[in-house]
Amino acid sequence: MTDPHVASHEQDEDGRPSTGLLSRINAVVARAGMYLSVTGLLVIVTIVFYQVFGRYVLNSSPTWTENLALVLILYVTLIGAAVGVRDAGHIGMDSLLVMLPDHVREKIELVIHVLVAVFGVAMAYNGWILGASVGTVKIPNLGLPEVIRYVPLIASGVLIVSFSIEHIIALLRGEEVVPSWN
């Protein structure tokens, strides 16, 4: 015999997809974010390979590679994390939510998405404040402004807010946000 709570949750997940304007825009943005993150990861691997090659084969390690790889890691992880919010790619406690009645589960999911949006606002705001505080400082060996380290924090915060709003709207309409990577 099937558990009615599990069966009703499985039906909700197979519900109609969210087709609003925000969902269409967010799907494109999330896909672009993942392409950029994957490309950034490949660039990081290339840079680190070049650094190791320079150190052990050429006996002349390039000085800029480590700082550039560290900056790119910020972009890859923060943009990838934001896309994970949209595509529900993060670890969750779904097994506890499935056991709850539908009306309670939906309210808890709404609270979760609101809290994630608040976290995104905090990320964007604090990234802006921190970036403004180091706007004139240069990154050693790169000559780039230190503020570029905070751009992904701001962008990720804004994306998390947008993706959370999309989830909230979809929940209120009884729809499902379809992941960008099907």
C-alpha atoms as a PDB file:
ATOM      1  CA  MET A   1       0.000   0.000   0.000  1.00  0.00           C
ATOM      2  CA  THR A   2       1.284   3.467  -0.872  1.00  0.00           C
ATOM      3  CA  ASP A   3       1.743   6.135   1.784  1.00  0.00           C
ATOM      4  CA  PRO A   4      -0.791   8.910   0.957  1.00  0.00           C
ATOM      5  CA  HIS A   5       1.656  11.661   1.963  1.00  0.00           C
ATOM      6  CA  VAL A   6       4.347  10.329  -0.343  1.00  0.00           C
ATOM      7  CA  ALA A   7       1.883   9.755  -3.175  1.00  0.00           C
ATOM      8  CA  SER A   8       0.467  13.284  -2.951  1.00  0.00           C
ATOM      9  CA  HIS A   9       3.968  14.797  -2.869  1.00  0.00           C
ATOM     10  CA  GLU A  10       4.972  12.797  -5.945  1.00  0.00           C
ATOM     11  CA  GLN A  11       1.895  14.078  -7.770  1.00  0.00           C
ATOM     12  CA  ASP A  12       2.801  17.665  -6.847  1.00  0.00           C
ATOM     13  CA  GLU A  13       6.266  17.215  -8.299  1.00  0.00           C
ATOM     14  CA  ASP A  14       4.721  16.052 -11.551  1.00  0.00           C
ATOM     15  CA  GLY A  15       2.420  19.110 -11.568  1.00  0.00           C
ATOM     16  CA  ARG A  16       2.309  21.648 -14.312  1.00  0.00           C
ATOM     17  CA  PRO A  17       5.536  23.531 -14.961  1.00  0.00           C
ATOM     18  CA  SER A  18       5.878  27.200 -14.163  1.00  0.00           C
ATOM     19  CA  THR A  19       5.617  29.134 -17.422  1.00  0.00           C
ATOM     20  CA  GLY A  20       5.580  32.737 -16.248  1.00  0.00           C
ATOM     21  CA  LEU A  21       7.865  35.444 -17.591  1.00  0.00           C
ATOM     22  CA  LEU A  22      10.143  35.248 -14.545  1.00  0.00           C
ATOM     23  CA  SER A  23      10.513  31.482 -14.996  1.00  0.00           C
ATOM     24  CA  ARG A  24      11.412  31.867 -18.657  1.00  0.00           C
ATOM     25  CA  ILE A  25      13.983  34.573 -17.883  1.00  0.00           C
ATOM     26  CA  ASN A  26      15.416  32.677 -14.915  1.00  0.00           C
ATOM     27  CA  ALA A  27      15.746  29.479 -16.954  1.00  0.00           C
ATOM     28  CA  VAL A  28      17.881  31.285 -19.535  1.00  0.00           C
ATOM     29  CA  VAL A  29      19.929  33.069 -16.851  1.00  0.00           C
ATOM     30  CA  ALA A  30      20.469  29.837 -14.896  1.00  0.00           C
ATOM     31  CA  ARG A  31      21.587  27.971 -18.006  1.00  0.00           C
ATOM     32  CA  ALA A  32      23.978  30.800 -18.915  1.00  0.00           C
ATOM     33  CA  GLY A  33      25.267  30.818 -15.343  1.00  0.00           C
ATOM     34  CA  MET A  34      26.038  27.122 -15.491  1.00  0.00           C
ATOM     35  CA  TYR A  35      27.767  27.457 -18.859  1.00  0.00           C
ATOM     36  CA  LEU A  36      29.879  30.273 -17.417  1.00  0.00           C
ATOM     37  CA  SER A  37      30.650  28.234 -14.298  1.00  0.00           C
ATOM     38  CA  VAL A  38      31.688  25.185 -16.306  1.00  0.00           C
ATOM     39  CA  THR A  39      33.812  27.361 -18.620  1.00  0.00           C
ATOM     40  CA  GLY A  40      35.371  29.050 -15.581  1.00  0.00           C
ATOM     41  CA  LEU A  41      36.181  25.658 -14.090  1.00  0.00           C
ATOM     42  CA  LEU A  42      37.923  24.612 -17.307  1.00  0.00           C
ATOM     43  CA  VAL A  43      39.893  27.877 -17.294  1.00  0.00           C
ATOM     44  CA  ILE A  44      40.910  27.257 -13.661  1.00  0.00           C
ATOM     45  CA  VAL A  45      42.152  23.769 -14.563  1.00  0.00           C
ATOM     46  CA  THR A  46      44.116  25.233 -17.480  1.00  0.00           C
ATOM     47  CA  ILE A  47      45.650  27.959 -15.318  1.00  0.00           C
ATOM     48  CA  VAL A  48      46.660  25.527 -12.582  1.00  0.00           C
ATOM     49  CA  PHE A  49      48.105  23.149 -15.186  1.00  0.00           C
ATOM     50  CA  TYR A  50      50.112  26.040 -16.657  1.00  0.00           C
ATOM     51  CA  GLN A  51      51.345  26.968 -13.177  1.00  0.00           C
ATOM     52  CA  VAL A  52      52.479  23.394 -12.441  1.00  0.00           C
ATOM     53  CA  PHE A  53      54.053  23.085 -15.891  1.00  0.00           C
ATOM     54  CA  GLY A  54      55.892  26.369 -15.407  1.00  0.00           C
ATOM     55  CA  ARG A  55      57.125  25.401 -11.951  1.00  0.00           C
ATOM     56  CA  TYR A  56      58.292  21.864 -12.637  1.00  0.00           C
ATOM     57  CA  VAL A  57      59.115  21.820 -16.353  1.00  0.00           C
ATOM     58  CA  LEU A  58      60.203  25.376 -17.172  1.00  0.00           C
ATOM     59  CA  ASN A  59      61.537  26.031 -13.652  1.00  0.00           C
ATOM     60  CA  SER A  60      59.860  29.449 -13.840  1.00  0.00           C
ATOM     61  CA  SER A  61      56.479  29.616 -12.130  1.00  0.00           C
ATOM     62  CA  PRO A  62      54.193  32.388 -13.409  1.00  0.00           C
ATOM     63  CA  THR A  63      53.269  34.785 -10.604  1.00  0.00           C
ATOM     64  CA  TRP A  64      49.769  35.711 -11.757  1.00  0.00           C
ATOM     65  CA  THR A  65      48.235  32.236 -12.045  1.00  0.00           C
ATOM     66  CA  GLU A  66      47.407  31.644  -8.396  1.00  0.00           C
ATOM     67  CA  ASN A  67      45.635  34.977  -7.898  1.00  0.00           C
ATOM     68  CA  LEU A  68      43.651  34.591 -11.120  1.00  0.00           C
ATOM     69  CA  ALA A  69      42.611  31.052 -10.200  1.00  0.00           C
ATOM     70  CA  LEU A  70      41.445  32.262  -6.784  1.00  0.00           C
ATOM     71  CA  VAL A  71      39.336  35.022  -8.359  1.00  0.00           C
ATOM     72  CA  LEU A  72      37.807  32.587 -10.849  1.00  0.00           C
ATOM     73  CA  ILE A  73      36.952  30.136  -8.059  1.00  0.00           C
ATOM     74  CA  LEU A  74      34.762  32.841  -6.519  1.00  0.00           C
ATOM     75  CA  TYR A  75      32.849  33.269  -9.789  1.00  0.00           C
ATOM     76  CA  VAL A  76      32.470  29.536 -10.403  1.00  0.00           C
ATOM     77  CA  THR A  77      31.281  28.640  -6.908  1.00  0.00           C
ATOM     78  CA  LEU A  78      28.999  31.591  -6.223  1.00  0.00           C
ATOM     79  CA  ILE A  79      27.251  31.605  -9.600  1.00  0.00           C
ATOM     80  CA  GLY A  80      26.997  27.802  -9.488  1.00  0.00           C
ATOM     81  CA  ALA A  81      25.512  27.996  -5.982  1.00  0.00           C
ATOM     82  CA  ALA A  82      22.891  30.490  -7.144  1.00  0.00           C
ATOM     83  CA  VAL A  83      21.883  28.194 -10.003  1.00  0.00           C
ATOM     84  CA  GLY A  84      21.690  25.380  -7.464  1.00  0.00           C
ATOM     85  CA  VAL A  85      19.049  27.398  -5.613  1.00  0.00           C
ATOM     86  CA  ARG A  86      16.906  27.581  -8.738  1.00  0.00           C
ATOM     87  CA  ASP A  87      17.389  23.986  -9.805  1.00  0.00           C
ATOM     88  CA  ALA A  88      17.034  22.595  -6.238  1.00  0.00           C
ATOM     89  CA  GLY A  89      20.526  21.170  -6.443  1.00  0.00           C
ATOM     90  CA  HIS A  90      21.376  21.703  -2.793  1.00  0.00           C
ATOM     91  CA  ILE A  91      21.078  19.193   0.006  1.00  0.00           C
ATOM     92  CA  GLY A  92      17.680  19.380   1.670  1.00  0.00           C
ATOM     93  CA  MET A  93      15.575  17.627   4.249  1.00  0.00           C
ATOM     94  CA  ASP A  94      12.856  16.536   1.826  1.00  0.00           C
ATOM     95  CA  SER A  95      12.239  13.303   3.707  1.00  0.00           C
ATOM     96  CA  LEU A  96      10.875  15.280   6.660  1.00  0.00           C
ATOM     97  CA  LEU A  97       8.691  17.485   4.453  1.00  0.00           C
ATOM     98  CA  VAL A  98       7.185  14.513   2.621  1.00  0.00           C
ATOM     99  CA  MET A  99       5.738  13.188   5.880  1.00  0.00           C
ATOM    100  CA  LEU A 100       3.796  16.401   6.524  1.00  0.00           C
ATOM    101  CA  PRO A 101       0.313  17.154   5.198  1.00  0.00           C
ATOM    102  CA  ASP A 102       0.329  19.126   1.935  1.00  0.00           C
ATOM    103  CA  HIS A 103      -0.907  22.414   3.407  1.00  0.00           C
ATOM    104  CA  VAL A 104       1.791  22.365   6.130  1.00  0.00           C
ATOM    105  CA  ARG A 105       4.519  21.293   3.695  1.00  0.00           C
ATOM    106  CA  GLU A 106       3.677  24.115   1.286  1.00  0.00           C
ATOM    107  CA  LYS A 107       3.819  26.690   4.089  1.00  0.00           C
ATOM    108  CA  ILE A 108       7.187  25.416   5.255  1.00  0.00           C
ATOM    109  CA  GLU A 109       8.511  25.474   1.682  1.00  0.00           C
ATOM    110  CA  LEU A 110       7.341  29.097   1.380  1.00  0.00           C
ATOM    111  CA  VAL A 111       9.157  30.011   4.598  1.00  0.00           C
ATOM    112  CA  ILE A 112      12.298  28.278   3.344  1.00  0.00           C
ATOM    113  CA  HIS A 113      12.241  30.212   0.060  1.00  0.00           C
ATOM    114  CA  VAL A 114      11.621  33.506   1.863  1.00  0.00           C
ATOM    115  CA  LEU A 115      14.579  32.828   4.170  1.00  0.00           C
ATOM    116  CA  VAL A 116      16.785  31.946   1.195  1.00  0.00           C
ATOM    117  CA  ALA A 117      15.724  35.209  -0.499  1.00  0.00           C
ATOM    118  CA  VAL A 118      16.621  37.150   2.663  1.00  0.00           C
ATOM    119  CA  PHE A 119      20.016  35.436   2.619  1.00  0.00           C
ATOM    120  CA  GLY A 120      20.433  36.487  -1.044  1.00  0.00           C
ATOM    121  CA  VAL A 121      19.632  40.100  -0.129  1.00  0.00           C
ATOM    122  CA  ALA A 122      22.241  39.956   2.655  1.00  0.00           C
ATOM    123  CA  MET A 123      24.809  38.546   0.223  1.00  0.00           C
ATOM    124  CA  ALA A 124      24.193  41.258  -2.367  1.00  0.00           C
ATOM    125  CA  TYR A 125      24.121  44.084   0.165  1.00  0.00           C
ATOM    126  CA  ASN A 126      27.236  43.014   2.050  1.00  0.00           C
ATOM    127  CA  GLY A 127      29.074  42.247  -1.192  1.00  0.00           C
ATOM    128  CA  TRP A 128      28.297  45.792  -2.304  1.00  0.00           C
ATOM    129  CA  ILE A 129      29.546  47.262   0.990  1.00  0.00           C
ATOM    130  CA  LEU A 130      32.714  45.159   0.984  1.00  0.00           C
ATOM    131  CA  GLY A 131      33.396  45.876  -2.684  1.00  0.00           C
ATOM    132  CA  ALA A 132      32.999  49.611  -2.143  1.00  0.00           C
ATOM    133  CA  SER A 133      35.432  49.488   0.792  1.00  0.00           C
ATOM    134  CA  VAL A 134      38.252  48.069  -1.391  1.00  0.00           C
ATOM    135  CA  GLY A 135      37.409  49.803  -4.656  1.00  0.00           C
ATOM    136  CA  THR A 136      40.790  51.491  -5.038  1.00  0.00           C
ATOM    137  CA  VAL A 137      42.978  48.543  -3.962  1.00  0.00           C
ATOM    138  CA  LYS A 138      44.661  46.436  -6.670  1.00  0.00           C
ATOM    139  CA  ILE A 139      45.097  42.649  -6.618  1.00  0.00           C
ATOM    140  CA  PRO A 140      48.817  41.808  -6.443  1.00  0.00           C
ATOM    141  CA  ASN A 141      50.315  40.325  -9.636  1.00  0.00           C
ATOM    142  CA  LEU A 142      47.114  40.997 -11.610  1.00  0.00           C
ATOM    143  CA  GLY A 143      46.757  44.760 -11.423  1.00  0.00           C
ATOM    144  CA  LEU A 144      42.978  44.383 -11.387  1.00  0.00           C
ATOM    145  CA  PRO A 145      40.839  46.207  -8.833  1.00  0.00           C
ATOM    146  CA  GLU A 146      40.063  44.216  -5.689  1.00  0.00           C
ATOM    147  CA  VAL A 147      36.360  44.927  -6.243  1.00  0.00           C
ATOM    148  CA  ILE A 148      36.196  42.143  -8.864  1.00  0.00           C
ATOM    149  CA  ARG A 149      36.367  39.642  -5.989  1.00  0.00           C
ATOM    150  CA  TYR A 150      33.000  40.954  -4.746  1.00  0.00           C
ATOM    151  CA  VAL A 151      31.126  41.101  -8.053  1.00  0.00           C
ATOM    152  CA  PRO A 152      30.208  37.381  -7.937  1.00  0.00           C
ATOM    153  CA  LEU A 153      28.946  37.789  -4.361  1.00  0.00           C
ATOM    154  CA  ILE A 154      26.620  40.596  -5.468  1.00  0.00           C
ATOM    155  CA  ALA A 155      25.538  38.772  -8.643  1.00  0.00           C
ATOM    156  CA  SER A 156      24.930  35.535  -6.763  1.00  0.00           C
ATOM    157  CA  GLY A 157      22.851  37.343  -4.136  1.00  0.00           C
ATOM    158  CA  VAL A 158      20.697  38.983  -6.804  1.00  0.00           C
ATOM    159  CA  LEU A 159      20.251  35.672  -8.629  1.00  0.00           C
ATOM    160  CA  ILE A 160      19.324  33.873  -5.405  1.00  0.00           C
ATOM    161  CA  VAL A 161      16.653  36.495  -4.709  1.00  0.00           C
ATOM    162  CA  SER A 162      15.260  36.183  -8.232  1.00  0.00           C
ATOM    163  CA  PHE A 163      15.278  32.384  -8.132  1.00  0.00           C
ATOM    164  CA  SER A 164      13.645  32.343  -4.683  1.00  0.00           C
ATOM    165  CA  ILE A 165      10.897  34.701  -5.877  1.00  0.00           C
ATOM    166  CA  GLU A 166      10.327  32.359  -8.808  1.00  0.00           C
ATOM    167  CA  HIS A 167       9.910  29.410  -6.421  1.00  0.00           C
ATOM    168  CA  ILE A 168       7.548  31.402  -4.182  1.00  0.00           C
ATOM    169  CA  ILE A 169       5.357  32.393  -7.137  1.00  0.00           C
ATOM    170  CA  ALA A 170       5.333  28.814  -8.432  1.00  0.00           C
ATOM    171  CA  LEU A 171       4.327  27.468  -5.003  1.00  0.00           C
ATOM    172  CA  LEU A 172       1.514  29.993  -4.687  1.00  0.00           C
ATOM    173  CA  ARG A 173       0.226  29.046  -8.155  1.00  0.00           C
ATOM    174  CA  GLY A 174       0.573  25.306  -7.552  1.00  0.00           C
ATOM    175  CA  GLU A 175       3.254  25.037 -10.218  1.00  0.00           C
ATOM    176  CA  GLU A 176       6.709  23.505 -10.329  1.00  0.00           C
ATOM    177  CA  VAL A 177       9.964  25.199 -11.310  1.00  0.00           C
ATOM    178  CA  VAL A 178      11.540  23.042 -13.997  1.00  0.00           C
ATOM    179  CA  PRO A 179      15.327  22.772 -13.605  1.00  0.00           C
ATOM    180  CA  SER A 180      17.444  24.342 -16.345  1.00  0.00           C
ATOM    181  CA  TRP A 181      19.322  21.078 -16.837  1.00  0.00           C
ATOM    182  CA  ASN A 182      16.810  18.447 -17.965  1.00  0.00           C
END
